[in-house]
């Protein structure tokens, strides 16, 4: 399992102020199972989707050539103008995945 993804899961959980034990009520996954996943995990896709939903997040595939943009955006390294915000509200995927329309 990609350590980066496991780190992102843990980071998201801590950003939400959640402890590992809190995940059970949000996902139905026991604390022990979640703890194992977070430390050494190799979860099935379905399990990842359940965890993402429990963390108010989504899984998605991002083209390699766009990953740096997404990371910059998530790390607040990209400044978004009001015009950009309006465009994102109407079409948040425009140009992101390589085409003009999603």
C-alpha atoms as a PDB file:
ATOM      1  CA  UNK A   1       0.000   0.000   0.000  1.00  0.00           C
ATOM      2  CA  UNK A   2       1.216   3.457  -0.844  1.00  0.00           C
ATOM      3  CA  UNK A   3       2.538   5.057   2.365  1.00  0.00           C
ATOM      4  CA  UNK A   4       1.497   8.437   1.041  1.00  0.00           C
ATOM      5  CA  UNK A   5      -2.146   7.361   0.952  1.00  0.00           C
ATOM      6  CA  UNK A   6      -1.967   5.945   4.480  1.00  0.00           C
ATOM      7  CA  UNK A   7      -0.387   9.202   5.648  1.00  0.00           C
ATOM      8  CA  UNK A   8      -3.146  11.178   3.942  1.00  0.00           C
ATOM      9  CA  UNK A   9      -5.810   9.088   5.684  1.00  0.00           C
ATOM     10  CA  UNK A  10      -4.211   9.680   9.080  1.00  0.00           C
ATOM     11  CA  UNK A  11      -3.703  13.377   8.358  1.00  0.00           C
ATOM     12  CA  UNK A  12      -7.346  13.796   7.356  1.00  0.00           C
ATOM     13  CA  UNK A  13      -8.516  12.001  10.511  1.00  0.00           C
ATOM     14  CA  UNK A  14      -6.405  14.242  12.730  1.00  0.00           C
ATOM     15  CA  UNK A  15      -7.508  17.371  10.822  1.00  0.00           C
ATOM     16  CA  UNK A  16     -11.073  16.452  11.738  1.00  0.00           C
ATOM     17  CA  UNK A  17     -10.032  16.058  15.380  1.00  0.00           C
ATOM     18  CA  UNK A  18     -10.891  12.357  15.350  1.00  0.00           C
ATOM     19  CA  UNK A  19      -9.227   9.524  17.217  1.00  0.00           C
ATOM     20  CA  UNK A  20      -8.932   6.036  15.784  1.00  0.00           C
ATOM     21  CA  UNK A  21     -11.761   4.900  18.052  1.00  0.00           C
ATOM     22  CA  UNK A  22     -14.061   7.531  16.479  1.00  0.00           C
ATOM     23  CA  UNK A  23     -13.775   5.865  13.076  1.00  0.00           C
ATOM     24  CA  UNK A  24     -16.007   2.957  14.106  1.00  0.00           C
ATOM     25  CA  UNK A  25     -19.083   5.146  14.539  1.00  0.00           C
ATOM     26  CA  UNK A  26     -18.403   6.839  11.200  1.00  0.00           C
ATOM     27  CA  UNK A  27     -17.570   3.733   9.166  1.00  0.00           C
ATOM     28  CA  UNK A  28     -18.494   0.560  11.030  1.00  0.00           C
ATOM     29  CA  UNK A  29     -14.822  -0.472  10.945  1.00  0.00           C
ATOM     30  CA  UNK A  30     -13.510  -1.527  14.360  1.00  0.00           C
ATOM     31  CA  UNK A  31     -10.754   0.473  16.015  1.00  0.00           C
ATOM     32  CA  UNK A  32      -8.410  -2.523  15.778  1.00  0.00           C
ATOM     33  CA  UNK A  33      -9.027  -2.973  12.050  1.00  0.00           C
ATOM     34  CA  UNK A  34      -8.622   0.733  11.412  1.00  0.00           C
ATOM     35  CA  UNK A  35      -5.465   0.915  13.528  1.00  0.00           C
ATOM     36  CA  UNK A  36      -3.937  -1.954  11.526  1.00  0.00           C
ATOM     37  CA  UNK A  37      -4.902  -0.291   8.255  1.00  0.00           C
ATOM     38  CA  UNK A  38      -3.414   3.048   9.274  1.00  0.00           C
ATOM     39  CA  UNK A  39      -0.134   1.476  10.396  1.00  0.00           C
ATOM     40  CA  UNK A  40       0.501  -1.169   7.742  1.00  0.00           C
ATOM     41  CA  UNK A  41      -2.670  -1.358   5.696  1.00  0.00           C
ATOM     42  CA  UNK A  42      -3.484  -3.078   2.501  1.00  0.00           C
ATOM     43  CA  UNK A  43      -7.211  -2.365   2.314  1.00  0.00           C
ATOM     44  CA  UNK A  44      -9.612  -3.305  -0.423  1.00  0.00           C
ATOM     45  CA  UNK A  45     -10.972  -0.515  -2.587  1.00  0.00           C
ATOM     46  CA  UNK A  46     -14.381  -0.828  -0.937  1.00  0.00           C
ATOM     47  CA  UNK A  47     -12.772  -0.330   2.487  1.00  0.00           C
ATOM     48  CA  UNK A  48     -10.942   2.765   1.253  1.00  0.00           C
ATOM     49  CA  UNK A  49     -14.212   4.186  -0.076  1.00  0.00           C
ATOM     50  CA  UNK A  50     -15.910   3.572   3.290  1.00  0.00           C
ATOM     51  CA  UNK A  51     -13.057   5.249   5.161  1.00  0.00           C
ATOM     52  CA  UNK A  52     -13.019   8.194   2.762  1.00  0.00           C
ATOM     53  CA  UNK A  53     -16.757   8.702   3.263  1.00  0.00           C
ATOM     54  CA  UNK A  54     -16.266   8.514   7.039  1.00  0.00           C
ATOM     55  CA  UNK A  55     -13.614  11.212   6.761  1.00  0.00           C
ATOM     56  CA  UNK A  56     -15.810  13.433   4.568  1.00  0.00           C
ATOM     57  CA  UNK A  57     -13.457  12.857   1.638  1.00  0.00           C
ATOM     58  CA  UNK A  58     -13.395  11.114  -1.733  1.00  0.00           C
ATOM     59  CA  UNK A  59     -11.040   8.824  -3.588  1.00  0.00           C
ATOM     60  CA  UNK A  60     -10.103   9.753  -7.133  1.00  0.00           C
ATOM     61  CA  UNK A  61      -7.544   9.040  -9.805  1.00  0.00           C
ATOM     62  CA  UNK A  62      -5.502  12.070 -10.760  1.00  0.00           C
ATOM     63  CA  UNK A  63      -3.347  12.054 -13.902  1.00  0.00           C
ATOM     64  CA  UNK A  64       0.363  12.106 -13.064  1.00  0.00           C
ATOM     65  CA  UNK A  65       0.886  15.421 -14.834  1.00  0.00           C
ATOM     66  CA  UNK A  66      -1.781  17.075 -12.634  1.00  0.00           C
ATOM     67  CA  UNK A  67      -0.754  15.694  -9.224  1.00  0.00           C
ATOM     68  CA  UNK A  68       1.579  18.617  -8.473  1.00  0.00           C
ATOM     69  CA  UNK A  69      -1.266  21.099  -9.087  1.00  0.00           C
ATOM     70  CA  UNK A  70      -3.610  19.226  -6.775  1.00  0.00           C
ATOM     71  CA  UNK A  71      -0.971  19.047  -4.044  1.00  0.00           C
ATOM     72  CA  UNK A  72      -0.284  22.779  -4.364  1.00  0.00           C
ATOM     73  CA  UNK A  73      -3.988  23.525  -4.176  1.00  0.00           C
ATOM     74  CA  UNK A  74      -4.475  21.308  -1.118  1.00  0.00           C
ATOM     75  CA  UNK A  75      -1.448  22.856   0.599  1.00  0.00           C
ATOM     76  CA  UNK A  76      -2.749  26.387  -0.073  1.00  0.00           C
ATOM     77  CA  UNK A  77       0.253  27.105  -2.295  1.00  0.00           C
ATOM     78  CA  UNK A  78      -1.958  28.292  -5.144  1.00  0.00           C
ATOM     79  CA  UNK A  79      -3.811  31.565  -4.783  1.00  0.00           C
ATOM     80  CA  UNK A  80      -7.335  31.466  -6.157  1.00  0.00           C
ATOM     81  CA  UNK A  81      -8.938  34.717  -7.348  1.00  0.00           C
ATOM     82  CA  UNK A  82     -12.640  35.534  -7.018  1.00  0.00           C
ATOM     83  CA  UNK A  83     -13.019  34.896 -10.760  1.00  0.00           C
ATOM     84  CA  UNK A  84     -11.318  31.524 -10.324  1.00  0.00           C
ATOM     85  CA  UNK A  85     -13.680  30.732  -7.451  1.00  0.00           C
ATOM     86  CA  UNK A  86     -16.691  31.536  -9.636  1.00  0.00           C
ATOM     87  CA  UNK A  87     -15.329  29.277 -12.374  1.00  0.00           C
ATOM     88  CA  UNK A  88     -14.667  26.519  -9.849  1.00  0.00           C
ATOM     89  CA  UNK A  89     -18.228  26.815  -8.563  1.00  0.00           C
ATOM     90  CA  UNK A  90     -19.693  26.348 -12.032  1.00  0.00           C
ATOM     91  CA  UNK A  91     -17.178  23.785 -13.312  1.00  0.00           C
ATOM     92  CA  UNK A  92     -14.628  22.605 -10.714  1.00  0.00           C
ATOM     93  CA  UNK A  93     -12.996  20.111 -13.101  1.00  0.00           C
ATOM     94  CA  UNK A  94     -12.512  22.396 -16.094  1.00  0.00           C
ATOM     95  CA  UNK A  95      -9.094  21.719 -17.562  1.00  0.00           C
ATOM     96  CA  UNK A  96      -7.961  19.699 -14.566  1.00  0.00           C
ATOM     97  CA  UNK A  97      -8.060  16.295 -16.181  1.00  0.00           C
ATOM     98  CA  UNK A  98      -6.681  17.422 -19.517  1.00  0.00           C
ATOM     99  CA  UNK A  99      -9.816  18.515 -21.378  1.00  0.00           C
ATOM    100  CA  UNK A 100     -11.915  21.618 -21.196  1.00  0.00           C
ATOM    101  CA  UNK A 101     -14.976  19.806 -19.913  1.00  0.00           C
ATOM    102  CA  UNK A 102     -15.235  17.022 -17.301  1.00  0.00           C
END
